[in-house]
Amino acid sequence: MLDPAGLPGRSWYRHEIYAPGLNTGYGAVTLPGLREAIAAGDEAAAEGQAQALTQALAALTRQIQAAHADL
């Protein structure tokens, strides 16, 4: 669930599902890249973040399916 490039404007936070919000101090938010792009009204950034999230979920799905096949 990690994006090697990190979140927009905060490359040190790489988790796609949760990270401290831009305006929450260390308070975690879910789907931070997507949520923050939507809140900013940046449709292009929201689309890019949705695609990154989709890719991360697809990769996780493949990992789970591979682990299941090994059982």
PDB file of N, CA and C in Angstrom:
ATOM      1  N   MET A   1       0.809  -1.188   0.000  1.00  0.00           N
ATOM      2  CA  MET A   1       0.000   0.000   0.000  1.00  0.00           C
ATOM      3  C   MET A   1       0.858   1.261   0.000  1.00  0.00           C
ATOM      4  N   LEU A   2       2.124   1.122  -0.360  1.00  0.00           N
ATOM      5  CA  LEU A   2       3.037   2.266  -0.367  1.00  0.00           C
ATOM      6  C   LEU A   2       3.268   2.766  -1.784  1.00  0.00           C
ATOM      7  N   ASP A   3       3.303   4.079  -1.919  1.00  0.00           N
ATOM      8  CA  ASP A   3       3.642   4.715  -3.183  1.00  0.00           C
ATOM      9  C   ASP A   3       5.082   5.194  -3.074  1.00  0.00           C
ATOM     10  N   PRO A   4       5.986   4.661  -3.896  1.00  0.00           N
ATOM     11  CA  PRO A   4       7.389   5.052  -3.793  1.00  0.00           C
ATOM     12  C   PRO A   4       7.607   6.562  -3.915  1.00  0.00           C
ATOM     13  N   ALA A   5       6.750   7.245  -4.658  1.00  0.00           N
ATOM     14  CA  ALA A   5       6.891   8.697  -4.834  1.00  0.00           C
ATOM     15  C   ALA A   5       6.381   9.475  -3.626  1.00  0.00           C
ATOM     16  N   GLY A   6       5.615   8.831  -2.776  1.00  0.00           N
ATOM     17  CA  GLY A   6       5.057   9.522  -1.613  1.00  0.00           C
ATOM     18  C   GLY A   6       3.834  10.341  -1.962  1.00  0.00           C
ATOM     19  N   LEU A   7       3.253  10.946  -0.953  1.00  0.00           N
ATOM     20  CA  LEU A   7       2.065  11.776  -1.151  1.00  0.00           C
ATOM     21  C   LEU A   7       2.474  13.120  -1.747  1.00  0.00           C
ATOM     22  N   PRO A   8       1.597  13.734  -2.528  1.00  0.00           N
ATOM     23  CA  PRO A   8       1.917  15.036  -3.107  1.00  0.00           C
ATOM     24  C   PRO A   8       2.288  16.056  -2.022  1.00  0.00           C
ATOM     25  N   GLY A   9       3.439  16.668  -2.197  1.00  0.00           N
ATOM     26  CA  GLY A   9       3.893  17.669  -1.243  1.00  0.00           C
ATOM     27  C   GLY A   9       4.506  17.109   0.024  1.00  0.00           C
ATOM     28  N   ARG A  10       4.460  15.790   0.204  1.00  0.00           N
ATOM     29  CA  ARG A  10       5.008  15.144   1.407  1.00  0.00           C
ATOM     30  C   ARG A  10       5.546  13.777   1.021  1.00  0.00           C
ATOM     31  N   SER A  11       6.640  13.774   0.312  1.00  0.00           N
ATOM     32  CA  SER A  11       7.169  12.516  -0.228  1.00  0.00           C
ATOM     33  C   SER A  11       7.589  11.520   0.851  1.00  0.00           C
ATOM     34  N   TRP A  12       7.777  11.986   2.067  1.00  0.00           N
ATOM     35  CA  TRP A  12       8.188  11.084   3.149  1.00  0.00           C
ATOM     36  C   TRP A  12       7.025  10.249   3.669  1.00  0.00           C
ATOM     37  N   TYR A  13       5.778  10.653   3.379  1.00  0.00           N
ATOM     38  CA  TYR A  13       4.609   9.831   3.706  1.00  0.00           C
ATOM     39  C   TYR A  13       4.236   9.066   2.440  1.00  0.00           C
ATOM     40  N   ARG A  14       4.312   7.747   2.505  1.00  0.00           N
ATOM     41  CA  ARG A  14       4.116   6.949   1.301  1.00  0.00           C
ATOM     42  C   ARG A  14       2.892   6.048   1.350  1.00  0.00           C
ATOM     43  N   HIS A  15       2.197   5.961   2.478  1.00  0.00           N
ATOM     44  CA  HIS A  15       1.073   5.040   2.597  1.00  0.00           C
ATOM     45  C   HIS A  15      -0.155   5.603   1.901  1.00  0.00           C
ATOM     46  N   GLU A  16      -0.793   4.795   1.052  1.00  0.00           N
ATOM     47  CA  GLU A  16      -1.960   5.223   0.278  1.00  0.00           C
ATOM     48  C   GLU A  16      -3.256   5.231   1.091  1.00  0.00           C
ATOM     49  N   ILE A  17      -3.300   4.492   2.185  1.00  0.00           N
ATOM     50  CA  ILE A  17      -4.544   4.346   2.933  1.00  0.00           C
ATOM     51  C   ILE A  17      -4.639   5.326   4.095  1.00  0.00           C
ATOM     52  N   TYR A  18      -3.562   5.574   4.788  1.00  0.00           N
ATOM     53  CA  TYR A  18      -3.634   6.537   5.892  1.00  0.00           C
ATOM     54  C   TYR A  18      -2.298   7.243   6.067  1.00  0.00           C
ATOM     55  N   ALA A  19      -2.391   8.484   6.510  1.00  0.00           N
ATOM     56  CA  ALA A  19      -1.213   9.308   6.797  1.00  0.00           C
ATOM     57  C   ALA A  19      -1.702  10.539   7.550  1.00  0.00           C
ATOM     58  N   PRO A  20      -0.818  11.244   8.214  1.00  0.00           N
ATOM     59  CA  PRO A  20      -1.231  12.502   8.832  1.00  0.00           C
ATOM     60  C   PRO A  20      -1.755  13.452   7.753  1.00  0.00           C
ATOM     61  N   GLY A  21      -2.841  14.137   8.065  1.00  0.00           N
ATOM     62  CA  GLY A  21      -3.419  15.079   7.115  1.00  0.00           C
ATOM     63  C   GLY A  21      -2.610  16.361   7.025  1.00  0.00           C
ATOM     64  N   LEU A  22      -2.808  17.080   5.950  1.00  0.00           N
ATOM     65  CA  LEU A  22      -2.104  18.349   5.771  1.00  0.00           C
ATOM     66  C   LEU A  22      -2.420  19.331   6.886  1.00  0.00           C
ATOM     67  N   ASN A  23      -3.662  19.319   7.356  1.00  0.00           N
ATOM     68  CA  ASN A  23      -4.107  20.295   8.345  1.00  0.00           C
ATOM     69  C   ASN A  23      -4.528  19.667   9.665  1.00  0.00           C
ATOM     70  N   THR A  24      -4.073  18.450   9.928  1.00  0.00           N
ATOM     71  CA  THR A  24      -4.500  17.757  11.148  1.00  0.00           C
ATOM     72  C   THR A  24      -3.353  17.491  12.103  1.00  0.00           C
ATOM     73  N   GLY A  25      -2.213  18.137  11.885  1.00  0.00           N
ATOM     74  CA  GLY A  25      -1.056  17.817  12.714  1.00  0.00           C
ATOM     75  C   GLY A  25      -0.654  16.386  12.443  1.00  0.00           C
ATOM     76  N   TYR A  26      -0.602  15.594  13.499  1.00  0.00           N
ATOM     77  CA  TYR A  26      -0.281  14.177  13.312  1.00  0.00           C
ATOM     78  C   TYR A  26      -1.534  13.311  13.272  1.00  0.00           C
ATOM     79  N   GLY A  27      -2.718  13.934  13.283  1.00  0.00           N
ATOM     80  CA  GLY A  27      -3.968  13.177  13.202  1.00  0.00           C
ATOM     81  C   GLY A  27      -4.084  12.497  11.850  1.00  0.00           C
ATOM     82  N   ALA A  28      -4.302  11.200  11.864  1.00  0.00           N
ATOM     83  CA  ALA A  28      -4.368  10.428  10.621  1.00  0.00           C
ATOM     84  C   ALA A  28      -5.662  10.689   9.870  1.00  0.00           C
ATOM     85  N   VAL A  29      -5.565  10.662   8.550  1.00  0.00           N
ATOM     86  CA  VAL A  29      -6.730  10.704   7.676  1.00  0.00           C
ATOM     87  C   VAL A  29      -6.655   9.492   6.756  1.00  0.00           C
ATOM     88  N   THR A  30      -7.795   9.038   6.303  1.00  0.00           N
ATOM     89  CA  THR A  30      -7.841   7.912   5.377  1.00  0.00           C
ATOM     90  C   THR A  30      -7.810   8.428   3.944  1.00  0.00           C
ATOM     91  N   LEU A  31      -7.212   7.652   3.073  1.00  0.00           N
ATOM     92  CA  LEU A  31      -7.060   7.991   1.667  1.00  0.00           C
ATOM     93  C   LEU A  31      -6.548   9.422   1.502  1.00  0.00           C
ATOM     94  N   PRO A  32      -5.409   9.732   2.120  1.00  0.00           N
ATOM     95  CA  PRO A  32      -4.966  11.119   2.219  1.00  0.00           C
ATOM     96  C   PRO A  32      -4.755  11.824   0.880  1.00  0.00           C
ATOM     97  N   GLY A  33      -4.114  11.185  -0.068  1.00  0.00           N
ATOM     98  CA  GLY A  33      -3.869  11.842  -1.347  1.00  0.00           C
ATOM     99  C   GLY A  33      -5.147  12.188  -2.067  1.00  0.00           C
ATOM    100  N   LEU A  34      -6.064  11.238  -2.131  1.00  0.00           N
ATOM    101  CA  LEU A  34      -7.339  11.448  -2.801  1.00  0.00           C
ATOM    102  C   LEU A  34      -8.179  12.473  -2.050  1.00  0.00           C
ATOM    103  N   ARG A  35      -8.276  12.327  -0.759  1.00  0.00           N
ATOM    104  CA  ARG A  35      -9.091  13.232   0.062  1.00  0.00           C
ATOM    105  C   ARG A  35      -8.599  14.680  -0.058  1.00  0.00           C
ATOM    106  N   GLU A  36      -7.300  14.872  -0.001  1.00  0.00           N
ATOM    107  CA  GLU A  36      -6.758  16.224  -0.038  1.00  0.00           C
ATOM    108  C   GLU A  36      -6.892  16.850  -1.425  1.00  0.00           C
ATOM    109  N   ALA A  37      -6.772  16.044  -2.480  1.00  0.00           N
ATOM    110  CA  ALA A  37      -6.979  16.570  -3.831  1.00  0.00           C
ATOM    111  C   ALA A  37      -8.429  17.001  -4.029  1.00  0.00           C
ATOM    112  N   ILE A  38      -9.365  16.208  -3.522  1.00  0.00           N
ATOM    113  CA  ILE A  38     -10.784  16.566  -3.627  1.00  0.00           C
ATOM    114  C   ILE A  38     -11.066  17.827  -2.829  1.00  0.00           C
ATOM    115  N   ALA A  39     -10.539  17.900  -1.614  1.00  0.00           N
ATOM    116  CA  ALA A  39     -10.758  19.081  -0.769  1.00  0.00           C
ATOM    117  C   ALA A  39     -10.196  20.340  -1.413  1.00  0.00           C
ATOM    118  N   ALA A  40      -9.107  20.205  -2.163  1.00  0.00           N
ATOM    119  CA  ALA A  40      -8.500  21.350  -2.834  1.00  0.00           C
ATOM    120  C   ALA A  40      -9.224  21.704  -4.132  1.00  0.00           C
ATOM    121  N   GLY A  41     -10.162  20.845  -4.545  1.00  0.00           N
ATOM    122  CA  GLY A  41     -10.876  21.074  -5.790  1.00  0.00           C
ATOM    123  C   GLY A  41     -10.023  20.838  -7.023  1.00  0.00           C
ATOM    124  N   ASP A  42      -8.976  20.040  -6.872  1.00  0.00           N
ATOM    125  CA  ASP A  42      -8.043  19.761  -7.967  1.00  0.00           C
ATOM    126  C   ASP A  42      -8.434  18.441  -8.625  1.00  0.00           C
ATOM    127  N   GLU A  43      -9.229  18.556  -9.681  1.00  0.00           N
ATOM    128  CA  GLU A  43      -9.767  17.359 -10.330  1.00  0.00           C
ATOM    129  C   GLU A  43      -8.663  16.492 -10.936  1.00  0.00           C
ATOM    130  N   ALA A  44      -7.664  17.119 -11.545  1.00  0.00           N
ATOM    131  CA  ALA A  44      -6.567  16.356 -12.158  1.00  0.00           C
ATOM    132  C   ALA A  44      -5.788  15.599 -11.093  1.00  0.00           C
ATOM    133  N   ALA A  45      -5.494  16.251  -9.978  1.00  0.00           N
ATOM    134  CA  ALA A  45      -4.771  15.577  -8.894  1.00  0.00           C
ATOM    135  C   ALA A  45      -5.620  14.455  -8.301  1.00  0.00           C
ATOM    136  N   ALA A  46      -6.920  14.693  -8.166  1.00  0.00           N
ATOM    137  CA  ALA A  46      -7.808  13.654  -7.630  1.00  0.00           C
ATOM    138  C   ALA A  46      -7.814  12.439  -8.548  1.00  0.00           C
ATOM    139  N   GLU A  47      -7.849  12.667  -9.852  1.00  0.00           N
ATOM    140  CA  GLU A  47      -7.810  11.557 -10.804  1.00  0.00           C
ATOM    141  C   GLU A  47      -6.498  10.794 -10.684  1.00  0.00           C
ATOM    142  N   GLY A  48      -5.392  11.514 -10.573  1.00  0.00           N
ATOM    143  CA  GLY A  48      -4.096  10.853 -10.418  1.00  0.00           C
ATOM    144  C   GLY A  48      -4.008  10.060  -9.135  1.00  0.00           C
ATOM    145  N   GLN A  49      -4.527  10.604  -8.061  1.00  0.00           N
ATOM    146  CA  GLN A  49      -4.515   9.898  -6.784  1.00  0.00           C
ATOM    147  C   GLN A  49      -5.445   8.693  -6.809  1.00  0.00           C
ATOM    148  N   ALA A  50      -6.574   8.810  -7.488  1.00  0.00           N
ATOM    149  CA  ALA A  50      -7.491   7.665  -7.620  1.00  0.00           C
ATOM    150  C   ALA A  50      -6.817   6.544  -8.399  1.00  0.00           C
ATOM    151  N   GLN A  51      -6.075   6.898  -9.445  1.00  0.00           N
ATOM    152  CA  GLN A  51      -5.357   5.879 -10.221  1.00  0.00           C
ATOM    153  C   GLN A  51      -4.263   5.226  -9.379  1.00  0.00           C
ATOM    154  N   ALA A  52      -3.528   6.016  -8.615  1.00  0.00           N
ATOM    155  CA  ALA A  52      -2.478   5.452  -7.753  1.00  0.00           C
ATOM    156  C   ALA A  52      -3.082   4.516  -6.717  1.00  0.00           C
ATOM    157  N   LEU A  53      -4.207   4.900  -6.140  1.00  0.00           N
ATOM    158  CA  LEU A  53      -4.880   4.063  -5.159  1.00  0.00           C
ATOM    159  C   LEU A  53      -5.380   2.773  -5.809  1.00  0.00           C
ATOM    160  N   THR A  54      -5.935   2.882  -7.010  1.00  0.00           N
ATOM    161  CA  THR A  54      -6.401   1.699  -7.736  1.00  0.00           C
ATOM    162  C   THR A  54      -5.251   0.736  -7.997  1.00  0.00           C
ATOM    163  N   GLN A  55      -4.105   1.251  -8.395  1.00  0.00           N
ATOM    164  CA  GLN A  55      -2.938   0.400  -8.648  1.00  0.00           C
ATOM    165  C   GLN A  55      -2.460  -0.273  -7.366  1.00  0.00           C
ATOM    166  N   ALA A  56      -2.463   0.465  -6.269  1.00  0.00           N
ATOM    167  CA  ALA A  56      -2.027  -0.109  -4.991  1.00  0.00           C
ATOM    168  C   ALA A  56      -2.973  -1.224  -4.560  1.00  0.00           C
ATOM    169  N   LEU A  57      -4.273  -1.008  -4.720  1.00  0.00           N
ATOM    170  CA  LEU A  57      -5.245  -2.035  -4.338  1.00  0.00           C
ATOM    171  C   LEU A  57      -5.147  -3.260  -5.252  1.00  0.00           C
ATOM    172  N   ALA A  58      -4.894  -3.033  -6.529  1.00  0.00           N
ATOM    173  CA  ALA A  58      -4.733  -4.158  -7.462  1.00  0.00           C
ATOM    174  C   ALA A  58      -3.499  -4.981  -7.095  1.00  0.00           C
ATOM    175  N   ALA A  59      -2.416  -4.317  -6.729  1.00  0.00           N
ATOM    176  CA  ALA A  59      -1.199  -5.031  -6.327  1.00  0.00           C
ATOM    177  C   ALA A  59      -1.450  -5.839  -5.060  1.00  0.00           C
ATOM    178  N   LEU A  60      -2.168  -5.266  -4.111  1.00  0.00           N
ATOM    179  CA  LEU A  60      -2.495  -5.979  -2.882  1.00  0.00           C
ATOM    180  C   LEU A  60      -3.380  -7.185  -3.188  1.00  0.00           C
ATOM    181  N   THR A  61      -4.339  -7.010  -4.077  1.00  0.00           N
ATOM    182  CA  THR A  61      -5.216  -8.117  -4.469  1.00  0.00           C
ATOM    183  C   THR A  61      -4.402  -9.265  -5.062  1.00  0.00           C
ATOM    184  N   ARG A  62      -3.447  -8.932  -5.917  1.00  0.00           N
ATOM    185  CA  ARG A  62      -2.595  -9.982  -6.509  1.00  0.00           C
ATOM    186  C   ARG A  62      -1.788 -10.708  -5.440  1.00  0.00           C
ATOM    187  N   GLN A  63      -1.301  -9.976  -4.465  1.00  0.00           N
ATOM    188  CA  GLN A  63      -0.521 -10.598  -3.371  1.00  0.00           C
ATOM    189  C   GLN A  63      -1.407 -11.544  -2.561  1.00  0.00           C
ATOM    190  N   ILE A  64      -2.614 -11.117  -2.282  1.00  0.00           N
ATOM    191  CA  ILE A  64      -3.528 -11.962  -1.505  1.00  0.00           C
ATOM    192  C   ILE A  64      -3.898 -13.211  -2.309  1.00  0.00           C
ATOM    193  N   GLN A  65      -4.160 -13.047  -3.594  1.00  0.00           N
ATOM    194  CA  GLN A  65      -4.495 -14.194  -4.431  1.00  0.00           C
ATOM    195  C   GLN A  65      -3.326 -15.168  -4.517  1.00  0.00           C
ATOM    196  N   ALA A  66      -2.121 -14.665  -4.615  1.00  0.00           N
ATOM    197  CA  ALA A  66      -0.939 -15.535  -4.674  1.00  0.00           C
ATOM    198  C   ALA A  66      -0.767 -16.286  -3.360  1.00  0.00           C
ATOM    199  N   ALA A  67      -0.982 -15.606  -2.252  1.00  0.00           N
ATOM    200  CA  ALA A  67      -0.873 -16.263  -0.947  1.00  0.00           C
ATOM    201  C   ALA A  67      -1.959 -17.323  -0.797  1.00  0.00           C
ATOM    202  N   HIS A  68      -3.151 -17.031  -1.274  1.00  0.00           N
ATOM    203  CA  HIS A  68      -4.244 -17.995  -1.208  1.00  0.00           C
ATOM    204  C   HIS A  68      -3.945 -19.226  -2.056  1.00  0.00           C
ATOM    205  N   ALA A  69      -3.351 -19.012  -3.199  1.00  0.00           N
ATOM    206  CA  ALA A  69      -3.018 -20.126  -4.089  1.00  0.00           C
ATOM    207  C   ALA A  69      -1.968 -21.034  -3.458  1.00  0.00           C
ATOM    208  N   ASP A  70      -1.138 -20.486  -2.604  1.00  0.00           N
ATOM    209  CA  ASP A  70      -0.095 -21.278  -1.944  1.00  0.00           C
ATOM    210  C   ASP A  70      -0.637 -22.110  -0.786  1.00  0.00           C
ATOM    211  N   LEU A  71      -1.843 -21.830  -0.361  1.00  0.00           N
ATOM    212  CA  LEU A  71      -2.393 -22.577   0.784  1.00  0.00           C
ATOM    213  C   LEU A  71      -2.796 -23.988   0.409  1.00  0.00           C
TER     214      LEU A  71
END
